[in-house]
N, C-alpha and C. Protein backbone atom coordinates (compact mmCIF):
# COMPACT_ATOMS: atom_id res chain seq x y z
N MET A 1 57.24 133.25 -0.18
CA MET A 1 58.43 133.95 0.04
C MET A 1 59.50 133.56 -0.98
N PRO A 2 59.91 134.62 -1.61
CA PRO A 2 60.93 134.33 -2.59
C PRO A 2 62.28 134.12 -1.93
N THR A 3 63.01 133.26 -2.42
CA THR A 3 64.29 132.92 -1.85
C THR A 3 65.40 133.77 -2.42
N GLU A 4 65.13 134.49 -3.40
CA GLU A 4 66.17 135.26 -4.00
C GLU A 4 66.62 136.43 -3.15
N ASN A 5 65.70 137.03 -2.48
CA ASN A 5 66.06 138.19 -1.69
C ASN A 5 66.70 137.84 -0.36
N MET A 6 66.64 136.68 -0.01
CA MET A 6 67.19 136.28 1.29
C MET A 6 68.65 135.94 1.14
N THR A 7 69.35 136.47 2.02
CA THR A 7 70.77 136.13 2.00
C THR A 7 71.09 135.38 3.28
N ILE A 8 71.82 134.47 3.09
CA ILE A 8 72.22 133.66 4.24
C ILE A 8 73.62 134.11 4.62
N SER A 9 73.70 134.51 5.79
CA SER A 9 75.02 134.94 6.24
C SER A 9 75.76 133.75 6.84
N PRO A 10 77.02 133.77 6.65
CA PRO A 10 77.79 132.64 7.18
C PRO A 10 77.81 132.70 8.71
N PRO A 11 77.91 131.57 9.33
CA PRO A 11 77.93 131.58 10.80
C PRO A 11 79.13 132.36 11.27
N GLU A 12 78.88 133.04 12.36
CA GLU A 12 79.96 133.87 12.89
C GLU A 12 81.01 132.97 13.53
N GLU A 13 82.17 133.37 13.25
CA GLU A 13 83.26 132.60 13.82
C GLU A 13 83.43 133.01 15.27
N ALA A 14 83.76 132.06 16.09
CA ALA A 14 83.98 132.36 17.51
C ALA A 14 85.24 133.15 17.64
N GLU A 15 85.15 134.14 18.44
CA GLU A 15 86.32 134.97 18.62
C GLU A 15 87.39 134.18 19.34
N THR A 16 88.56 134.34 18.84
CA THR A 16 89.65 133.59 19.46
C THR A 16 90.28 134.37 20.58
N THR A 17 90.01 135.62 20.61
CA THR A 17 90.53 136.41 21.72
C THR A 17 89.41 137.26 22.23
N GLY A 18 89.40 137.47 23.53
CA GLY A 18 88.37 138.31 24.11
C GLY A 18 88.19 138.01 25.58
N PRO A 19 87.37 138.82 26.20
CA PRO A 19 87.23 138.68 27.65
C PRO A 19 86.47 137.43 28.03
N HIS A 20 85.71 136.82 27.19
CA HIS A 20 84.90 135.65 27.56
C HIS A 20 85.56 134.34 27.22
N GLN A 21 86.74 134.40 26.82
CA GLN A 21 87.40 133.17 26.44
C GLN A 21 87.78 132.40 27.71
N GLN A 22 87.55 131.11 27.70
CA GLN A 22 87.91 130.27 28.84
C GLN A 22 89.32 129.78 28.68
N GLU A 23 90.11 130.04 29.73
CA GLU A 23 91.47 129.56 29.69
C GLU A 23 91.52 128.22 30.39
N PRO A 24 92.40 127.40 29.97
CA PRO A 24 92.49 126.11 30.66
C PRO A 24 92.93 126.36 32.11
N PRO A 25 92.40 125.54 33.07
CA PRO A 25 92.75 125.77 34.47
C PRO A 25 94.24 125.57 34.69
N LEU A 26 94.76 126.42 35.53
CA LEU A 26 96.17 126.30 35.84
C LEU A 26 96.37 125.15 36.82
N PRO A 27 97.40 124.39 36.64
CA PRO A 27 97.63 123.30 37.60
C PRO A 27 97.97 123.90 38.96
N GLU A 28 97.40 123.25 40.02
CA GLU A 28 97.68 123.73 41.37
C GLU A 28 99.13 123.45 41.68
N PRO A 29 99.72 124.38 42.39
CA PRO A 29 101.13 124.12 42.70
C PRO A 29 101.24 122.91 43.63
N SER A 30 102.20 122.08 43.38
CA SER A 30 102.35 120.89 44.23
C SER A 30 102.78 121.34 45.62
N PRO A 31 102.18 120.72 46.67
CA PRO A 31 102.51 121.17 48.03
C PRO A 31 103.96 120.85 48.35
N ASP A 32 104.51 121.72 49.14
CA ASP A 32 105.90 121.55 49.56
C ASP A 32 105.95 120.38 50.54
N PRO A 33 106.71 119.32 50.26
CA PRO A 33 106.75 118.17 51.15
C PRO A 33 107.25 118.52 52.55
N LEU A 34 108.16 119.44 52.65
CA LEU A 34 108.67 119.83 53.95
C LEU A 34 107.59 120.54 54.76
N ALA A 35 106.85 121.41 54.11
CA ALA A 35 105.76 122.12 54.80
C ALA A 35 104.68 121.13 55.24
N THR A 36 104.40 120.14 54.39
CA THR A 36 103.41 119.12 54.73
C THR A 36 103.86 118.34 55.96
N LEU A 37 105.10 117.93 55.98
CA LEU A 37 105.62 117.17 57.13
C LEU A 37 105.64 118.03 58.39
N GLU A 38 106.00 119.29 58.26
CA GLU A 38 106.01 120.18 59.43
C GLU A 38 104.60 120.34 60.00
N GLN A 39 103.61 120.46 59.11
CA GLN A 39 102.22 120.58 59.57
C GLN A 39 101.77 119.29 60.26
N GLU A 40 102.16 118.15 59.70
CA GLU A 40 101.80 116.87 60.29
C GLU A 40 102.44 116.71 61.67
N VAL A 41 103.70 117.09 61.81
CA VAL A 41 104.39 117.03 63.10
C VAL A 41 103.68 117.94 64.10
N LYS A 42 103.32 119.13 63.66
CA LYS A 42 102.61 120.07 64.53
C LYS A 42 101.29 119.47 65.00
N ASP A 43 100.54 118.85 64.08
CA ASP A 43 99.26 118.23 64.44
C ASP A 43 99.46 117.07 65.42
N LEU A 44 100.48 116.26 65.18
CA LEU A 44 100.75 115.13 66.08
C LEU A 44 101.18 115.60 67.46
N LYS A 45 101.99 116.65 67.52
CA LYS A 45 102.38 117.21 68.82
C LYS A 45 101.16 117.72 69.57
N ASP A 46 100.28 118.38 68.83
CA ASP A 46 99.05 118.88 69.46
C ASP A 46 98.20 117.73 70.01
N GLN A 47 98.07 116.67 69.22
CA GLN A 47 97.31 115.50 69.69
C GLN A 47 97.97 114.88 70.91
N LEU A 48 99.30 114.78 70.89
CA LEU A 48 100.02 114.21 72.03
C LEU A 48 99.80 115.04 73.29
N LEU A 49 99.91 116.34 73.17
CA LEU A 49 99.69 117.21 74.33
C LEU A 49 98.27 117.08 74.86
N ARG A 50 97.31 116.98 73.97
CA ARG A 50 95.92 116.82 74.40
C ARG A 50 95.71 115.48 75.12
N ARG A 51 96.29 114.40 74.57
CA ARG A 51 96.16 113.08 75.20
C ARG A 51 96.84 113.07 76.57
N ARG A 52 98.01 113.71 76.65
CA ARG A 52 98.74 113.76 77.92
C ARG A 52 97.90 114.52 78.96
N ALA A 53 97.30 115.63 78.56
CA ALA A 53 96.47 116.40 79.48
C ALA A 53 95.24 115.59 79.91
N GLU A 54 94.63 114.88 78.96
CA GLU A 54 93.48 114.04 79.29
C GLU A 54 93.87 112.95 80.28
N PHE A 55 95.04 112.33 80.06
CA PHE A 55 95.49 111.26 80.96
C PHE A 55 95.80 111.82 82.35
N ASP A 56 96.46 112.98 82.41
CA ASP A 56 96.75 113.59 83.71
C ASP A 56 95.45 113.90 84.46
N ASN A 57 94.47 114.42 83.76
CA ASN A 57 93.17 114.69 84.39
C ASN A 57 92.53 113.40 84.89
N TYR A 58 92.61 112.34 84.08
CA TYR A 58 92.04 111.04 84.47
C TYR A 58 92.75 110.50 85.71
N ARG A 59 94.10 110.57 85.71
CA ARG A 59 94.88 110.06 86.84
C ARG A 59 94.52 110.81 88.12
N ARG A 60 94.44 112.13 88.03
CA ARG A 60 94.08 112.92 89.22
C ARG A 60 92.68 112.58 89.71
N ARG A 61 91.74 112.38 88.79
CA ARG A 61 90.37 112.04 89.17
C ARG A 61 90.33 110.67 89.87
N VAL A 62 91.08 109.70 89.33
CA VAL A 62 91.11 108.36 89.94
C VAL A 62 91.73 108.44 91.33
N GLU A 63 92.81 109.20 91.49
CA GLU A 63 93.44 109.36 92.80
C GLU A 63 92.48 109.99 93.79
N ARG A 64 91.75 111.02 93.35
CA ARG A 64 90.75 111.67 94.22
C ARG A 64 89.68 110.67 94.64
N GLU A 65 89.20 109.88 93.68
CA GLU A 65 88.15 108.90 93.98
C GLU A 65 88.66 107.83 94.93
N GLN A 66 89.92 107.39 94.75
CA GLN A 66 90.49 106.39 95.66
C GLN A 66 90.64 106.94 97.07
N ARG A 67 91.10 108.19 97.19
CA ARG A 67 91.21 108.81 98.51
C ARG A 67 89.84 108.91 99.17
N ALA A 68 88.85 109.32 98.39
CA ALA A 68 87.50 109.46 98.93
C ALA A 68 86.96 108.10 99.37
N ALA A 69 87.20 107.05 98.58
CA ALA A 69 86.72 105.72 98.94
C ALA A 69 87.42 105.23 100.20
N SER A 70 88.72 105.49 100.30
CA SER A 70 89.47 105.08 101.49
C SER A 70 88.96 105.82 102.72
N GLU A 71 88.75 107.12 102.59
CA GLU A 71 88.24 107.90 103.72
C GLU A 71 86.83 107.42 104.10
N ASP A 72 86.01 107.10 103.12
CA ASP A 72 84.66 106.61 103.41
C ASP A 72 84.72 105.30 104.18
N ALA A 73 85.67 104.41 103.82
CA ALA A 73 85.81 103.14 104.52
C ALA A 73 86.23 103.36 105.97
N VAL A 74 87.17 104.28 106.19
CA VAL A 74 87.63 104.57 107.54
C VAL A 74 86.50 105.18 108.36
N VAL A 75 85.78 106.12 107.79
CA VAL A 75 84.67 106.76 108.50
C VAL A 75 83.61 105.72 108.85
N SER A 76 83.34 104.82 107.93
CA SER A 76 82.34 103.78 108.17
C SER A 76 82.77 102.86 109.32
N LEU A 77 84.05 102.46 109.32
CA LEU A 77 84.56 101.61 110.40
C LEU A 77 84.50 102.34 111.73
N LEU A 78 84.93 103.59 111.75
CA LEU A 78 84.89 104.35 113.00
C LEU A 78 83.46 104.50 113.51
N ALA A 79 82.53 104.73 112.61
CA ALA A 79 81.12 104.84 113.03
C ALA A 79 80.65 103.54 113.66
N ASP A 80 81.13 102.40 113.14
CA ASP A 80 80.75 101.10 113.72
C ASP A 80 81.42 100.87 115.07
N LEU A 81 82.61 101.45 115.28
CA LEU A 81 83.35 101.23 116.52
C LEU A 81 82.94 102.18 117.64
N LEU A 82 82.38 103.32 117.32
CA LEU A 82 82.05 104.31 118.34
C LEU A 82 81.13 103.79 119.45
N PRO A 83 80.10 102.99 119.16
CA PRO A 83 79.28 102.46 120.26
C PRO A 83 80.09 101.63 121.26
N SER A 84 81.10 100.90 120.77
CA SER A 84 81.94 100.11 121.67
C SER A 84 82.78 101.03 122.55
N PHE A 85 83.28 102.11 121.99
CA PHE A 85 84.02 103.08 122.80
C PHE A 85 83.12 103.70 123.87
N ASP A 86 81.89 104.02 123.49
CA ASP A 86 80.94 104.56 124.46
C ASP A 86 80.71 103.58 125.59
N ALA A 87 80.56 102.29 125.25
CA ALA A 87 80.32 101.26 126.26
C ALA A 87 81.53 101.13 127.19
N LEU A 88 82.74 101.23 126.66
CA LEU A 88 83.93 101.16 127.50
C LEU A 88 84.01 102.35 128.45
N GLU A 89 83.65 103.53 127.98
CA GLU A 89 83.63 104.70 128.86
C GLU A 89 82.63 104.51 129.99
N LYS A 90 81.47 103.95 129.67
CA LYS A 90 80.45 103.68 130.70
C LYS A 90 80.97 102.65 131.69
N ALA A 91 81.71 101.66 131.21
CA ALA A 91 82.26 100.64 132.10
C ALA A 91 83.24 101.26 133.08
N LEU A 92 84.05 102.19 132.60
CA LEU A 92 85.01 102.84 133.48
C LEU A 92 84.32 103.72 134.53
N ALA A 93 83.18 104.28 134.17
CA ALA A 93 82.45 105.15 135.09
C ALA A 93 81.47 104.38 135.97
N ALA A 94 81.30 103.09 135.72
CA ALA A 94 80.29 102.30 136.44
C ALA A 94 80.66 102.14 137.91
N LYS A 95 79.64 102.07 138.75
CA LYS A 95 79.81 101.88 140.19
C LYS A 95 79.33 100.49 140.62
N GLY A 96 79.13 99.61 139.66
CA GLY A 96 78.60 98.28 139.97
C GLY A 96 79.67 97.36 140.55
N THR A 97 79.29 96.12 140.71
CA THR A 97 80.22 95.11 141.24
C THR A 97 81.21 94.73 140.15
N LEU A 98 82.26 94.07 140.55
CA LEU A 98 83.28 93.63 139.60
C LEU A 98 82.68 92.70 138.55
N GLU A 99 81.78 91.83 138.95
CA GLU A 99 81.15 90.90 138.01
C GLU A 99 80.29 91.64 136.98
N GLU A 100 79.57 92.68 137.42
CA GLU A 100 78.73 93.46 136.50
C GLU A 100 79.60 94.23 135.50
N ILE A 101 80.66 94.80 136.01
CA ILE A 101 81.57 95.54 135.13
C ILE A 101 82.22 94.59 134.13
N ARG A 102 82.65 93.43 134.62
CA ARG A 102 83.26 92.44 133.75
C ARG A 102 82.28 91.99 132.67
N ALA A 103 81.04 91.76 133.03
CA ALA A 103 80.02 91.35 132.06
C ALA A 103 79.85 92.43 130.99
N GLY A 104 79.85 93.69 131.39
CA GLY A 104 79.72 94.79 130.43
C GLY A 104 80.91 94.86 129.48
N VAL A 105 82.12 94.66 130.03
CA VAL A 105 83.31 94.69 129.19
C VAL A 105 83.31 93.50 128.22
N GLU A 106 82.86 92.33 128.67
CA GLU A 106 82.78 91.16 127.79
C GLU A 106 81.80 91.40 126.64
N ILE A 107 80.68 92.04 126.94
CA ILE A 107 79.70 92.36 125.89
C ILE A 107 80.32 93.34 124.89
N THR A 108 81.04 94.33 125.41
CA THR A 108 81.70 95.31 124.54
C THR A 108 82.74 94.64 123.65
N LEU A 109 83.53 93.74 124.23
CA LEU A 109 84.53 93.01 123.45
C LEU A 109 83.86 92.18 122.36
N LYS A 110 82.75 91.54 122.71
CA LYS A 110 82.00 90.74 121.73
C LYS A 110 81.50 91.65 120.59
N ASP A 111 81.02 92.84 120.95
CA ASP A 111 80.55 93.79 119.93
C ASP A 111 81.70 94.20 119.00
N LEU A 112 82.89 94.43 119.56
CA LEU A 112 84.04 94.79 118.75
C LEU A 112 84.40 93.67 117.78
N PHE A 113 84.42 92.43 118.27
CA PHE A 113 84.72 91.29 117.39
C PHE A 113 83.67 91.14 116.31
N THR A 114 82.40 91.38 116.65
CA THR A 114 81.32 91.30 115.67
C THR A 114 81.52 92.35 114.57
N THR A 115 81.88 93.57 114.99
CA THR A 115 82.12 94.64 114.02
C THR A 115 83.27 94.27 113.08
N LEU A 116 84.38 93.79 113.65
CA LEU A 116 85.53 93.44 112.82
C LEU A 116 85.25 92.24 111.92
N SER A 117 84.59 91.22 112.45
CA SER A 117 84.31 90.04 111.63
C SER A 117 83.33 90.38 110.51
N GLY A 118 82.45 91.36 110.74
CA GLY A 118 81.54 91.81 109.68
C GLY A 118 82.29 92.47 108.54
N ARG A 119 83.50 92.88 108.78
CA ARG A 119 84.34 93.49 107.75
C ARG A 119 85.39 92.52 107.22
N GLY A 120 85.28 91.25 107.57
CA GLY A 120 86.18 90.24 107.03
C GLY A 120 87.43 90.00 107.85
N VAL A 121 87.51 90.59 109.05
CA VAL A 121 88.68 90.41 109.90
C VAL A 121 88.45 89.19 110.77
N ARG A 122 89.50 88.36 110.88
CA ARG A 122 89.36 87.19 111.75
C ARG A 122 90.52 87.16 112.74
N LEU A 123 90.21 86.67 113.91
CA LEU A 123 91.16 86.55 115.00
C LEU A 123 91.89 85.23 114.87
N GLU A 124 93.21 85.23 115.11
CA GLU A 124 93.99 84.00 115.03
C GLU A 124 94.66 83.71 116.35
N ASP A 125 94.32 82.57 116.91
CA ASP A 125 95.01 82.06 118.09
C ASP A 125 95.69 80.77 117.62
N PRO A 126 97.00 80.84 117.31
CA PRO A 126 97.67 79.70 116.68
C PRO A 126 98.18 78.64 117.65
N THR A 127 97.73 78.65 118.89
CA THR A 127 98.22 77.67 119.86
C THR A 127 98.00 76.25 119.33
N GLY A 128 99.09 75.47 119.32
CA GLY A 128 99.03 74.09 118.84
C GLY A 128 99.30 73.95 117.35
N GLU A 129 99.23 75.03 116.61
CA GLU A 129 99.50 74.98 115.17
C GLU A 129 101.00 74.98 114.91
N LYS A 130 101.38 74.62 113.70
CA LYS A 130 102.77 74.68 113.26
C LYS A 130 103.16 76.16 113.14
N PHE A 131 104.33 76.51 113.63
CA PHE A 131 104.80 77.89 113.56
C PHE A 131 104.96 78.32 112.11
N ASP A 132 104.40 79.47 111.77
CA ASP A 132 104.48 80.04 110.42
C ASP A 132 105.07 81.44 110.55
N PRO A 133 106.31 81.63 110.12
CA PRO A 133 106.94 82.94 110.28
C PRO A 133 106.25 84.06 109.49
N LEU A 134 105.41 83.70 108.55
CA LEU A 134 104.67 84.72 107.79
C LEU A 134 103.45 85.23 108.56
N ARG A 135 102.98 84.45 109.53
CA ARG A 135 101.79 84.84 110.29
C ARG A 135 102.05 84.97 111.79
N HIS A 136 103.18 84.48 112.26
CA HIS A 136 103.48 84.49 113.70
C HIS A 136 104.81 85.16 113.95
N GLN A 137 104.92 85.80 115.10
CA GLN A 137 106.19 86.39 115.51
C GLN A 137 106.64 85.65 116.76
N ALA A 138 107.77 84.95 116.66
CA ALA A 138 108.26 84.15 117.78
C ALA A 138 109.00 85.04 118.77
N LEU A 139 108.58 84.96 120.03
CA LEU A 139 109.29 85.67 121.09
C LEU A 139 110.36 84.79 121.71
N SER A 140 110.12 83.48 121.72
CA SER A 140 111.12 82.56 122.27
C SER A 140 110.88 81.16 121.73
N TYR A 141 111.95 80.39 121.82
CA TYR A 141 111.90 78.95 121.50
C TYR A 141 112.25 78.24 122.80
N GLU A 142 111.34 77.44 123.30
CA GLU A 142 111.58 76.77 124.57
C GLU A 142 111.10 75.33 124.48
N PRO A 143 111.74 74.47 125.25
CA PRO A 143 111.22 73.11 125.33
C PRO A 143 109.84 73.16 125.99
N ALA A 144 108.92 72.47 125.39
CA ALA A 144 107.56 72.43 125.93
C ALA A 144 107.11 70.98 125.97
N PRO A 145 107.01 70.42 127.20
CA PRO A 145 106.60 69.02 127.30
C PRO A 145 105.23 68.81 126.66
N GLY A 146 105.13 67.77 125.86
CA GLY A 146 103.86 67.41 125.23
C GLY A 146 103.56 68.17 123.96
N ALA A 147 104.38 69.15 123.60
CA ALA A 147 104.14 69.92 122.38
C ALA A 147 105.07 69.44 121.28
N GLU A 148 104.57 69.42 120.08
CA GLU A 148 105.36 68.98 118.93
C GLU A 148 106.43 70.02 118.62
N ASP A 149 107.61 69.56 118.24
CA ASP A 149 108.71 70.45 117.92
C ASP A 149 108.31 71.38 116.76
N GLY A 150 108.52 72.69 116.92
CA GLY A 150 108.18 73.66 115.88
C GLY A 150 106.74 74.13 115.91
N SER A 151 105.97 73.68 116.91
CA SER A 151 104.59 74.14 117.00
C SER A 151 104.50 75.30 117.98
N VAL A 152 103.40 76.01 117.94
CA VAL A 152 103.19 77.14 118.84
C VAL A 152 102.74 76.58 120.19
N ALA A 153 103.58 76.81 121.21
CA ALA A 153 103.27 76.31 122.55
C ALA A 153 102.37 77.27 123.31
N THR A 154 102.64 78.57 123.18
CA THR A 154 101.86 79.59 123.89
C THR A 154 101.65 80.78 122.97
N CYS A 155 100.46 81.34 123.04
CA CYS A 155 100.15 82.55 122.28
C CYS A 155 100.03 83.70 123.28
N TYR A 156 100.95 84.67 123.19
CA TYR A 156 100.93 85.81 124.11
C TYR A 156 99.99 86.91 123.63
N ARG A 157 99.91 87.10 122.34
CA ARG A 157 99.00 88.10 121.77
C ARG A 157 98.47 87.54 120.46
N LYS A 158 97.16 87.53 120.31
CA LYS A 158 96.52 86.96 119.13
C LYS A 158 96.80 87.81 117.90
N GLY A 159 96.77 87.15 116.75
CA GLY A 159 96.98 87.84 115.48
C GLY A 159 95.66 88.12 114.78
N TYR A 160 95.71 88.97 113.77
CA TYR A 160 94.51 89.32 113.01
C TYR A 160 94.81 89.24 111.52
N MET A 161 93.87 88.68 110.79
CA MET A 161 93.97 88.54 109.34
C MET A 161 92.70 89.14 108.72
N MET A 162 92.85 89.63 107.50
CA MET A 162 91.69 90.06 106.72
C MET A 162 91.83 89.39 105.37
N GLY A 163 91.03 88.38 105.16
CA GLY A 163 91.21 87.54 103.97
C GLY A 163 92.54 86.82 104.13
N GLU A 164 93.42 86.99 103.15
CA GLU A 164 94.76 86.40 103.24
C GLU A 164 95.80 87.43 103.64
N ARG A 165 95.37 88.62 103.99
CA ARG A 165 96.29 89.70 104.34
C ARG A 165 96.48 89.76 105.85
N LEU A 166 97.74 89.79 106.27
CA LEU A 166 98.07 89.87 107.69
C LEU A 166 97.93 91.30 108.17
N ILE A 167 97.15 91.48 109.22
CA ILE A 167 97.02 92.79 109.83
C ILE A 167 98.04 92.92 110.95
N ARG A 168 98.09 91.89 111.80
CA ARG A 168 99.05 91.87 112.90
C ARG A 168 99.41 90.43 113.19
N PRO A 169 100.72 90.10 113.30
CA PRO A 169 101.11 88.72 113.59
C PRO A 169 100.84 88.38 115.06
N ALA A 170 100.62 87.12 115.31
CA ALA A 170 100.45 86.64 116.69
C ALA A 170 101.83 86.55 117.34
N LEU A 171 101.94 86.97 118.59
CA LEU A 171 103.19 86.83 119.35
C LEU A 171 103.14 85.49 120.05
N VAL A 172 104.14 84.64 119.80
CA VAL A 172 104.05 83.25 120.28
C VAL A 172 105.37 82.76 120.87
N LYS A 173 105.24 81.67 121.64
CA LYS A 173 106.40 80.89 122.09
C LYS A 173 106.34 79.59 121.29
N VAL A 174 107.47 79.25 120.69
CA VAL A 174 107.53 78.07 119.84
C VAL A 174 108.16 76.93 120.62
N ALA A 175 107.53 75.77 120.51
CA ALA A 175 108.03 74.58 121.20
C ALA A 175 109.28 74.07 120.51
N GLN A 176 110.21 73.65 121.33
CA GLN A 176 111.48 73.15 120.82
C GLN A 176 111.74 71.83 121.54
N GLN A 177 112.21 70.87 120.81
CA GLN A 177 112.49 69.58 121.42
C GLN A 177 113.71 69.73 122.33
N ALA A 178 113.56 69.30 123.58
CA ALA A 178 114.66 69.42 124.55
C ALA A 178 115.67 68.31 124.31
N THR A 179 116.90 68.72 124.20
CA THR A 179 117.99 67.75 124.10
C THR A 179 119.04 68.15 125.13
N SER A 180 119.99 67.27 125.35
CA SER A 180 121.00 67.54 126.37
C SER A 180 121.94 68.68 125.97
N ASP A 181 122.10 68.92 124.65
CA ASP A 181 123.02 69.97 124.23
C ASP A 181 122.33 71.29 123.88
N THR A 182 120.99 71.40 124.02
CA THR A 182 120.31 72.67 123.76
C THR A 182 119.98 73.32 125.10
N PRO A 183 120.12 74.60 125.18
CA PRO A 183 119.77 75.28 126.43
C PRO A 183 118.26 75.23 126.64
N THR A 184 117.83 75.50 127.83
CA THR A 184 116.41 75.44 128.14
C THR A 184 115.65 76.57 127.47
N VAL A 185 116.30 77.70 127.21
CA VAL A 185 115.65 78.81 126.52
C VAL A 185 116.57 79.28 125.39
N ALA A 186 116.03 79.31 124.19
CA ALA A 186 116.80 79.80 123.05
C ALA A 186 116.12 81.05 122.54
N VAL A 187 116.85 82.10 122.39
CA VAL A 187 116.31 83.35 121.88
C VAL A 187 116.46 83.35 120.37
N PRO A 188 115.38 83.68 119.64
CA PRO A 188 115.49 83.67 118.17
C PRO A 188 116.45 84.73 117.68
N GLU A 189 117.14 84.42 116.60
CA GLU A 189 118.05 85.38 116.00
C GLU A 189 117.22 86.40 115.22
N SER A 190 117.61 87.65 115.35
CA SER A 190 116.90 88.68 114.60
C SER A 190 117.59 88.88 113.27
N ASN A 191 116.80 89.26 112.28
CA ASN A 191 117.35 89.45 110.93
C ASN A 191 117.99 90.78 110.79
């Protein structure tokens, strides 16, 4: 191949203008700081409302569950007490002797105490103990021979406790040391 007939054409210059020209990317407009803050506030308000609604739903569910648990405890206690009520009704309808009826009532009372003690309730007869105004209700203060001053001389109605919680205070007479200037019966001052 002869080289004389061949012509070498110069490389084509790239067009500087035309539809295929790549323009440098335009810078994105900087976000408006006020719009950004407004959107953030809107998002935070939305989150707050959602959390508040979730908490309200949780609170209502817990209250419902507590009511249900409380009702279940009452129903359970009543179910345990019903046989004793039945026995008392039978005692009232009984035609037996006084001793037989008394024996039936004593058994029923024992069953009631068993039911209550099974639930952590204990009976308190504070006779002879030191008077405790948090657990006892004094009906009177009287001189009581042989009883220590400030101790419970007589228990008129027994008290009930459940753990450390007072259900009902015992009604008591408190012994008071007799002196020549104290009356024989002193009525407690009410608050």
